[in-house]
Amino acid sequence: MFLPEIEQIVGTRLRLILNWQEGKLVELSLLWANGENSTEELSDIGKQLRDCLLRYELGEHVQWPDLPFALEKMTPFGQNVLTALMQVPYGETVSYGELAALAGSPNAARGVGQVMARNRWPLIIPCHRVVAASGLGGFSGQGVSMKRYLLGIEGVLSRT
């Protein structure tokens, strides 16, 4: 299977930049589209992701392709947190403390926050679904406006 080193996938309002190394997805950047164009020739996985992204932006609950994430450099705790996070359904949220408990470390809410801040695969590993017990909480990269937009698409917040 051919995988370019970098692929850019552009939806209606969102853009994904995929960084592939040795057949694994090392990083996925989630950005606003801002009139950018997709990579001219996308890999098969890139085409699947583009289709999913466009449907997701329309508010459809999509099943993202099974991706080969480069998780091996993460701590076992970080891997457990991201694995637990992938079980949080579309349209639902979980607090940092709840996610810590789901990951088997109920007293590690702050540690979960650190893992979320360093999540290298936003949207696909849905860190936007993790909220503070007292409200929305933060969001790395494009900030809270992106988090609000994603949760709006999923029907958790009113769309803005």
N, C-alpha and C. Protein backbone atom coordinates (compact mmCIF):
# COMPACT_ATOMS: atom_id res chain seq x y z
N MET A 1 0.85 -1.17 0.00
CA MET A 1 0.00 0.00 0.00
C MET A 1 0.90 1.24 0.00
N PHE A 2 0.64 2.15 -0.93
CA PHE A 2 1.40 3.39 -1.03
C PHE A 2 0.90 4.40 -0.01
N LEU A 3 1.82 4.94 0.78
CA LEU A 3 1.50 6.03 1.71
C LEU A 3 2.52 7.13 1.52
N PRO A 4 2.09 8.30 1.07
CA PRO A 4 3.04 9.41 0.98
C PRO A 4 3.45 9.83 2.39
N GLU A 5 4.52 10.59 2.50
CA GLU A 5 4.95 11.03 3.82
C GLU A 5 3.94 11.98 4.45
N ILE A 6 3.42 12.90 3.63
CA ILE A 6 2.45 13.89 4.11
C ILE A 6 1.24 13.89 3.17
N GLU A 7 0.06 13.88 3.75
CA GLU A 7 -1.17 14.03 2.97
C GLU A 7 -2.00 15.13 3.61
N GLN A 8 -2.65 15.91 2.77
CA GLN A 8 -3.56 16.95 3.26
C GLN A 8 -4.95 16.64 2.74
N ILE A 9 -5.89 16.57 3.66
CA ILE A 9 -7.27 16.27 3.33
C ILE A 9 -8.11 17.46 3.75
N VAL A 10 -8.87 18.00 2.81
CA VAL A 10 -9.65 19.20 3.08
C VAL A 10 -11.13 18.89 2.95
N GLY A 11 -11.87 19.26 3.98
CA GLY A 11 -13.32 19.14 3.96
C GLY A 11 -13.93 20.49 3.68
N THR A 12 -15.15 20.67 4.13
CA THR A 12 -15.85 21.93 3.93
C THR A 12 -15.24 23.04 4.80
N ARG A 13 -15.08 22.76 6.08
CA ARG A 13 -14.50 23.74 7.01
C ARG A 13 -13.25 23.23 7.72
N LEU A 14 -13.00 21.93 7.65
CA LEU A 14 -11.89 21.33 8.37
C LEU A 14 -10.83 20.81 7.41
N ARG A 15 -9.61 20.75 7.92
CA ARG A 15 -8.48 20.23 7.14
C ARG A 15 -7.68 19.31 8.04
N LEU A 16 -7.27 18.17 7.49
CA LEU A 16 -6.42 17.21 8.20
C LEU A 16 -5.09 17.12 7.47
N ILE A 17 -4.00 17.18 8.21
CA ILE A 17 -2.68 16.94 7.64
C ILE A 17 -2.16 15.67 8.31
N LEU A 18 -1.90 14.66 7.49
CA LEU A 18 -1.46 13.36 7.98
C LEU A 18 0.04 13.23 7.77
N ASN A 19 0.74 12.81 8.81
CA ASN A 19 2.18 12.57 8.73
C ASN A 19 2.40 11.07 8.90
N TRP A 20 2.83 10.42 7.80
CA TRP A 20 3.06 8.98 7.79
C TRP A 20 4.55 8.70 7.86
N GLN A 21 4.93 7.72 8.66
CA GLN A 21 6.32 7.25 8.70
C GLN A 21 6.30 5.74 8.85
N GLU A 22 6.98 5.08 7.93
CA GLU A 22 7.10 3.61 7.96
C GLU A 22 5.74 2.93 8.10
N GLY A 23 4.75 3.44 7.36
CA GLY A 23 3.43 2.83 7.35
C GLY A 23 2.56 3.12 8.54
N LYS A 24 3.01 3.99 9.44
CA LYS A 24 2.23 4.33 10.63
C LYS A 24 1.89 5.82 10.62
N LEU A 25 0.73 6.14 11.17
CA LEU A 25 0.31 7.53 11.29
C LEU A 25 0.95 8.11 12.54
N VAL A 26 1.96 8.95 12.33
CA VAL A 26 2.72 9.53 13.43
C VAL A 26 1.98 10.71 14.03
N GLU A 27 1.31 11.47 13.17
CA GLU A 27 0.62 12.67 13.65
C GLU A 27 -0.47 13.06 12.67
N LEU A 28 -1.54 13.62 13.21
CA LEU A 28 -2.63 14.15 12.42
C LEU A 28 -2.89 15.55 12.95
N SER A 29 -2.77 16.55 12.10
CA SER A 29 -3.06 17.92 12.51
C SER A 29 -4.48 18.26 12.07
N LEU A 30 -5.25 18.83 12.97
CA LEU A 30 -6.63 19.25 12.70
C LEU A 30 -6.64 20.77 12.65
N LEU A 31 -7.00 21.31 11.49
CA LEU A 31 -6.96 22.75 11.26
C LEU A 31 -8.25 23.20 10.58
N TRP A 32 -8.45 24.51 10.50
CA TRP A 32 -9.54 25.06 9.69
C TRP A 32 -9.11 24.99 8.23
N ALA A 33 -10.05 24.78 7.33
CA ALA A 33 -9.74 24.59 5.91
C ALA A 33 -9.15 25.85 5.28
N ASN A 34 -9.73 27.01 5.52
CA ASN A 34 -9.22 28.28 5.01
C ASN A 34 -8.89 28.26 3.52
N GLY A 35 -9.73 27.62 2.72
CA GLY A 35 -9.55 27.63 1.27
C GLY A 35 -8.44 26.75 0.73
N GLU A 36 -7.84 25.92 1.57
CA GLU A 36 -6.77 25.03 1.12
C GLU A 36 -7.36 23.92 0.25
N ASN A 37 -6.49 23.22 -0.47
CA ASN A 37 -6.91 22.09 -1.29
C ASN A 37 -6.28 20.80 -0.77
N SER A 38 -6.95 19.69 -1.06
CA SER A 38 -6.40 18.39 -0.69
C SER A 38 -5.16 18.08 -1.51
N THR A 39 -4.33 17.18 -0.99
CA THR A 39 -3.21 16.65 -1.75
C THR A 39 -3.77 16.12 -3.06
N GLU A 40 -3.06 16.37 -4.17
CA GLU A 40 -3.57 15.96 -5.47
C GLU A 40 -3.89 14.48 -5.53
N GLU A 41 -2.96 13.65 -5.10
CA GLU A 41 -3.18 12.21 -5.16
C GLU A 41 -3.17 11.65 -3.74
N LEU A 42 -4.32 11.24 -3.28
CA LEU A 42 -4.43 10.69 -1.93
C LEU A 42 -4.26 9.18 -1.96
N SER A 43 -3.71 8.65 -0.88
CA SER A 43 -3.63 7.20 -0.71
C SER A 43 -5.05 6.65 -0.55
N ASP A 44 -5.19 5.35 -0.57
CA ASP A 44 -6.51 4.74 -0.35
C ASP A 44 -7.06 5.13 1.01
N ILE A 45 -6.20 5.13 2.02
CA ILE A 45 -6.64 5.54 3.36
C ILE A 45 -7.01 7.03 3.35
N GLY A 46 -6.22 7.84 2.65
CA GLY A 46 -6.52 9.26 2.54
C GLY A 46 -7.89 9.51 1.91
N LYS A 47 -8.22 8.73 0.89
CA LYS A 47 -9.53 8.86 0.24
C LYS A 47 -10.65 8.47 1.20
N GLN A 48 -10.44 7.42 1.97
CA GLN A 48 -11.44 7.01 2.96
C GLN A 48 -11.63 8.10 4.02
N LEU A 49 -10.51 8.68 4.46
CA LEU A 49 -10.59 9.74 5.46
C LEU A 49 -11.30 10.97 4.91
N ARG A 50 -11.03 11.31 3.64
CA ARG A 50 -11.70 12.47 3.03
C ARG A 50 -13.21 12.24 3.00
N ASP A 51 -13.63 11.04 2.60
CA ASP A 51 -15.05 10.72 2.56
C ASP A 51 -15.66 10.82 3.96
N CYS A 52 -14.99 10.26 4.95
CA CYS A 52 -15.47 10.32 6.33
C CYS A 52 -15.53 11.76 6.83
N LEU A 53 -14.50 12.55 6.53
CA LEU A 53 -14.47 13.94 6.99
C LEU A 53 -15.65 14.72 6.42
N LEU A 54 -15.90 14.58 5.13
CA LEU A 54 -17.02 15.30 4.50
C LEU A 54 -18.35 14.89 5.11
N ARG A 55 -18.54 13.61 5.36
CA ARG A 55 -19.78 13.13 5.97
C ARG A 55 -19.88 13.59 7.43
N TYR A 56 -18.75 13.56 8.14
CA TYR A 56 -18.73 14.02 9.54
C TYR A 56 -19.16 15.49 9.61
N GLU A 57 -18.64 16.30 8.71
CA GLU A 57 -18.98 17.72 8.72
C GLU A 57 -20.46 17.97 8.47
N LEU A 58 -21.13 17.03 7.82
CA LEU A 58 -22.57 17.14 7.59
C LEU A 58 -23.37 16.67 8.80
N GLY A 59 -22.67 16.21 9.84
CA GLY A 59 -23.33 15.76 11.06
C GLY A 59 -23.61 14.28 11.10
N GLU A 60 -23.05 13.54 10.16
CA GLU A 60 -23.26 12.09 10.12
C GLU A 60 -22.29 11.40 11.07
N HIS A 61 -22.79 10.43 11.78
CA HIS A 61 -21.92 9.61 12.64
C HIS A 61 -21.15 8.67 11.73
N VAL A 62 -19.85 8.87 11.61
CA VAL A 62 -19.04 8.06 10.69
C VAL A 62 -18.18 7.07 11.47
N GLN A 63 -17.84 5.99 10.81
CA GLN A 63 -16.88 5.03 11.33
C GLN A 63 -15.56 5.34 10.65
N TRP A 64 -14.63 5.95 11.37
CA TRP A 64 -13.33 6.27 10.80
C TRP A 64 -12.60 4.98 10.45
N PRO A 65 -11.78 5.01 9.40
CA PRO A 65 -11.02 3.80 9.05
C PRO A 65 -10.11 3.38 10.21
N ASP A 66 -9.83 2.11 10.28
CA ASP A 66 -8.90 1.59 11.28
C ASP A 66 -7.50 2.03 10.86
N LEU A 67 -6.91 2.91 11.63
CA LEU A 67 -5.62 3.50 11.25
C LEU A 67 -4.47 2.93 12.07
N PRO A 68 -3.31 2.81 11.45
CA PRO A 68 -2.12 2.30 12.16
C PRO A 68 -1.43 3.44 12.93
N PHE A 69 -1.96 3.78 14.10
CA PHE A 69 -1.37 4.85 14.91
C PHE A 69 -0.01 4.42 15.45
N ALA A 70 0.93 5.33 15.47
CA ALA A 70 2.26 5.07 16.04
C ALA A 70 2.20 5.32 17.55
N LEU A 71 1.67 4.37 18.27
CA LEU A 71 1.48 4.50 19.72
C LEU A 71 2.67 4.04 20.54
N GLU A 72 3.62 3.36 19.91
CA GLU A 72 4.68 2.70 20.67
C GLU A 72 5.57 3.63 21.49
N LYS A 73 5.62 4.92 21.16
CA LYS A 73 6.45 5.84 21.94
C LYS A 73 5.71 6.44 23.12
N MET A 74 4.44 6.10 23.25
CA MET A 74 3.65 6.60 24.38
C MET A 74 3.83 5.70 25.59
N THR A 75 3.57 6.25 26.75
CA THR A 75 3.60 5.45 27.98
C THR A 75 2.40 4.49 27.97
N PRO A 76 2.47 3.41 28.74
CA PRO A 76 1.31 2.53 28.85
C PRO A 76 0.06 3.29 29.33
N PHE A 77 0.24 4.23 30.27
CA PHE A 77 -0.89 5.04 30.74
C PHE A 77 -1.50 5.82 29.57
N GLY A 78 -0.67 6.49 28.79
CA GLY A 78 -1.17 7.25 27.64
C GLY A 78 -1.90 6.37 26.65
N GLN A 79 -1.36 5.20 26.39
CA GLN A 79 -2.02 4.26 25.48
C GLN A 79 -3.38 3.82 26.04
N ASN A 80 -3.43 3.56 27.35
CA ASN A 80 -4.70 3.17 27.98
C ASN A 80 -5.74 4.27 27.88
N VAL A 81 -5.30 5.51 28.10
CA VAL A 81 -6.22 6.65 28.04
C VAL A 81 -6.78 6.80 26.63
N LEU A 82 -5.91 6.76 25.61
CA LEU A 82 -6.39 6.93 24.24
C LEU A 82 -7.28 5.76 23.80
N THR A 83 -6.94 4.57 24.24
CA THR A 83 -7.78 3.41 23.93
C THR A 83 -9.16 3.57 24.56
N ALA A 84 -9.21 4.02 25.81
CA ALA A 84 -10.49 4.25 26.49
C ALA A 84 -11.26 5.37 25.80
N LEU A 85 -10.57 6.41 25.39
CA LEU A 85 -11.22 7.55 24.73
C LEU A 85 -11.89 7.13 23.43
N MET A 86 -11.29 6.21 22.72
CA MET A 86 -11.88 5.77 21.45
C MET A 86 -13.21 5.04 21.66
N GLN A 87 -13.53 4.69 22.90
CA GLN A 87 -14.81 4.04 23.21
C GLN A 87 -15.91 5.05 23.53
N VAL A 88 -15.56 6.34 23.67
CA VAL A 88 -16.57 7.36 23.96
C VAL A 88 -17.36 7.62 22.68
N PRO A 89 -18.66 7.37 22.68
CA PRO A 89 -19.44 7.46 21.45
C PRO A 89 -19.60 8.88 20.91
N TYR A 90 -19.83 8.95 19.62
CA TYR A 90 -20.19 10.18 18.92
C TYR A 90 -21.37 10.82 19.65
N GLY A 91 -21.28 12.13 19.85
CA GLY A 91 -22.38 12.84 20.47
C GLY A 91 -22.41 12.78 21.99
N GLU A 92 -21.39 12.18 22.59
CA GLU A 92 -21.32 12.12 24.05
C GLU A 92 -20.00 12.71 24.52
N THR A 93 -19.98 13.14 25.76
CA THR A 93 -18.75 13.66 26.35
C THR A 93 -18.44 12.89 27.62
N VAL A 94 -17.21 13.05 28.07
CA VAL A 94 -16.74 12.41 29.29
C VAL A 94 -15.83 13.42 29.99
N SER A 95 -15.84 13.44 31.31
CA SER A 95 -14.95 14.35 32.04
C SER A 95 -13.56 13.72 32.12
N TYR A 96 -12.58 14.54 32.45
CA TYR A 96 -11.22 14.04 32.62
C TYR A 96 -11.18 12.93 33.68
N GLY A 97 -11.90 13.14 34.78
CA GLY A 97 -11.95 12.14 35.84
C GLY A 97 -12.62 10.85 35.39
N GLU A 98 -13.71 10.98 34.65
CA GLU A 98 -14.41 9.79 34.14
C GLU A 98 -13.51 9.01 33.18
N LEU A 99 -12.78 9.73 32.33
CA LEU A 99 -11.89 9.05 31.39
C LEU A 99 -10.75 8.37 32.14
N ALA A 100 -10.25 9.01 33.20
CA ALA A 100 -9.21 8.39 34.02
C ALA A 100 -9.71 7.05 34.57
N ALA A 101 -10.94 7.05 35.08
CA ALA A 101 -11.52 5.81 35.61
C ALA A 101 -11.69 4.76 34.51
N LEU A 102 -12.16 5.18 33.34
CA LEU A 102 -12.32 4.24 32.22
C LEU A 102 -10.98 3.63 31.81
N ALA A 103 -9.90 4.41 31.98
CA ALA A 103 -8.56 3.94 31.61
C ALA A 103 -7.91 3.13 32.72
N GLY A 104 -8.62 2.94 33.84
CA GLY A 104 -8.09 2.13 34.93
C GLY A 104 -7.26 2.88 35.95
N SER A 105 -7.28 4.22 35.89
CA SER A 105 -6.53 5.05 36.84
C SER A 105 -7.44 6.15 37.37
N PRO A 106 -8.38 5.81 38.26
CA PRO A 106 -9.41 6.76 38.67
C PRO A 106 -8.92 8.04 39.34
N ASN A 107 -7.70 8.07 39.83
CA ASN A 107 -7.18 9.28 40.48
C ASN A 107 -6.25 10.08 39.58
N ALA A 108 -6.30 9.85 38.28
CA ALA A 108 -5.33 10.46 37.37
C ALA A 108 -5.96 11.45 36.39
N ALA A 109 -6.94 12.24 36.85
CA ALA A 109 -7.58 13.20 35.95
C ALA A 109 -6.58 14.19 35.36
N ARG A 110 -5.63 14.66 36.16
CA ARG A 110 -4.62 15.59 35.63
C ARG A 110 -3.74 14.92 34.59
N GLY A 111 -3.39 13.67 34.83
CA GLY A 111 -2.61 12.92 33.85
C GLY A 111 -3.37 12.77 32.54
N VAL A 112 -4.68 12.55 32.64
CA VAL A 112 -5.51 12.48 31.44
C VAL A 112 -5.45 13.81 30.69
N GLY A 113 -5.49 14.91 31.43
CA GLY A 113 -5.38 16.23 30.80
C GLY A 113 -4.09 16.37 30.01
N GLN A 114 -3.00 15.86 30.56
CA GLN A 114 -1.72 15.92 29.85
C GLN A 114 -1.74 15.07 28.58
N VAL A 115 -2.34 13.90 28.66
CA VAL A 115 -2.45 13.03 27.48
C VAL A 115 -3.30 13.73 26.41
N MET A 116 -4.40 14.37 26.83
CA MET A 116 -5.26 15.07 25.87
C MET A 116 -4.50 16.22 25.20
N ALA A 117 -3.73 16.95 25.98
CA ALA A 117 -2.96 18.08 25.42
C ALA A 117 -1.93 17.61 24.41
N ARG A 118 -1.50 16.36 24.54
CA ARG A 118 -0.47 15.82 23.64
C ARG A 118 -1.03 14.85 22.60
N ASN A 119 -2.35 14.74 22.52
CA ASN A 119 -2.96 13.81 21.56
C ASN A 119 -2.51 14.17 20.15
N ARG A 120 -1.85 13.26 19.49
CA ARG A 120 -1.31 13.51 18.15
C ARG A 120 -2.29 13.15 17.05
N TRP A 121 -3.50 12.72 17.42
CA TRP A 121 -4.48 12.29 16.42
C TRP A 121 -5.87 12.84 16.75
N PRO A 122 -6.00 14.18 16.88
CA PRO A 122 -7.31 14.74 17.23
C PRO A 122 -8.36 14.42 16.17
N LEU A 123 -9.58 14.47 16.55
CA LEU A 123 -10.77 14.13 15.79
C LEU A 123 -10.92 12.62 15.67
N ILE A 124 -9.90 11.91 15.16
CA ILE A 124 -10.00 10.46 15.02
C ILE A 124 -9.94 9.80 16.41
N ILE A 125 -9.00 10.24 17.24
CA ILE A 125 -9.01 9.88 18.66
C ILE A 125 -9.60 11.13 19.33
N PRO A 126 -10.90 11.10 19.64
CA PRO A 126 -11.71 12.30 19.85
C PRO A 126 -11.52 13.04 21.18
N CYS A 127 -10.39 13.70 21.34
CA CYS A 127 -10.12 14.44 22.57
C CYS A 127 -11.09 15.60 22.76
N HIS A 128 -11.77 16.04 21.68
CA HIS A 128 -12.76 17.10 21.83
C HIS A 128 -13.95 16.65 22.68
N ARG A 129 -14.12 15.36 22.88
CA ARG A 129 -15.23 14.84 23.69
C ARG A 129 -14.91 14.82 25.19
N VAL A 130 -13.70 15.22 25.55
CA VAL A 130 -13.31 15.25 26.96
C VAL A 130 -13.51 16.67 27.47
N VAL A 131 -14.30 16.79 28.52
CA VAL A 131 -14.64 18.11 29.05
C VAL A 131 -14.27 18.18 30.54
N ALA A 132 -14.11 19.40 31.01
CA ALA A 132 -13.84 19.61 32.43
C ALA A 132 -15.12 19.36 33.22
N ALA A 133 -15.00 18.97 34.46
CA ALA A 133 -16.17 18.75 35.31
C ALA A 133 -16.98 20.03 35.45
N SER A 134 -16.31 21.18 35.34
CA SER A 134 -16.98 22.47 35.53
C SER A 134 -17.36 23.15 34.22
N GLY A 135 -17.17 22.50 33.10
CA GLY A 135 -17.50 23.14 31.82
C GLY A 135 -16.76 22.52 30.67
N LEU A 136 -16.59 23.30 29.62
CA LEU A 136 -16.03 22.79 28.37
C LEU A 136 -14.58 22.36 28.46
N GLY A 137 -13.76 23.12 29.18
CA GLY A 137 -12.33 22.80 29.25
C GLY A 137 -11.60 23.33 28.04
N GLY A 138 -10.33 22.98 27.92
CA GLY A 138 -9.50 23.50 26.84
C GLY A 138 -9.45 22.56 25.65
N PHE A 139 -8.68 23.00 24.65
CA PHE A 139 -8.47 22.20 23.44
C PHE A 139 -7.20 22.70 22.78
N SER A 140 -6.25 21.80 22.61
CA SER A 140 -4.97 22.17 22.01
C SER A 140 -5.15 22.47 20.52
N GLY A 141 -4.13 22.99 19.92
CA GLY A 141 -4.16 23.24 18.47
C GLY A 141 -4.97 24.46 18.12
N GLN A 142 -6.14 24.26 17.59
CA GLN A 142 -6.97 25.36 17.10
C GLN A 142 -7.86 25.98 18.18
N GLY A 143 -7.74 25.54 19.40
CA GLY A 143 -8.40 26.19 20.52
C GLY A 143 -9.84 25.76 20.74
N VAL A 144 -10.45 26.43 21.71
CA VAL A 144 -11.79 26.08 22.16
C VAL A 144 -12.83 26.29 21.05
N SER A 145 -12.60 27.23 20.14
CA SER A 145 -13.56 27.43 19.05
C SER A 145 -13.68 26.16 18.20
N MET A 146 -12.58 25.46 17.99
CA MET A 146 -12.62 24.19 17.25
C MET A 146 -13.39 23.15 18.05
N LYS A 147 -13.13 23.08 19.35
CA LYS A 147 -13.83 22.11 20.20
C LYS A 147 -15.33 22.37 20.16
N ARG A 148 -15.72 23.64 20.27
CA ARG A 148 -17.14 23.99 20.19
C ARG A 148 -17.74 23.57 18.85
N TYR A 149 -17.00 23.81 17.77
CA TYR A 149 -17.49 23.46 16.44
C TYR A 149 -17.71 21.95 16.34
N LEU A 150 -16.73 21.16 16.78
CA LEU A 150 -16.84 19.70 16.69
C LEU A 150 -17.99 19.17 17.55
N LEU A 151 -18.11 19.69 18.77
CA LEU A 151 -19.21 19.26 19.63
C LEU A 151 -20.56 19.73 19.09
N GLY A 152 -20.55 20.85 18.36
CA GLY A 152 -21.77 21.31 17.69
C GLY A 152 -22.18 20.36 16.58
N ILE A 153 -21.22 19.91 15.79
CA ILE A 153 -21.50 18.93 14.74
C ILE A 153 -22.13 17.68 15.34
N GLU A 154 -21.61 17.26 16.49
CA GLU A 154 -22.08 16.02 17.12
C GLU A 154 -23.36 16.21 17.94
N GLY A 155 -23.87 17.45 17.98
CA GLY A 155 -25.13 17.70 18.67
C GLY A 155 -25.01 17.88 20.17
N VAL A 156 -23.79 17.98 20.67
CA VAL A 156 -23.58 18.17 22.11
C VAL A 156 -23.82 19.63 22.48
N LEU A 157 -23.37 20.54 21.63
CA LEU A 157 -23.57 21.98 21.81
C LEU A 157 -24.33 22.50 20.60
N SER A 158 -24.94 23.67 20.74
CA SER A 158 -25.57 24.26 19.56
C SER A 158 -24.48 24.65 18.57
N ARG A 159 -24.75 24.46 17.31
CA ARG A 159 -23.75 24.73 16.26
C ARG A 159 -23.52 26.22 16.13
N THR A 160 -22.21 26.59 16.05
CA THR A 160 -21.86 28.00 15.86
C THR A 160 -20.92 28.13 14.71
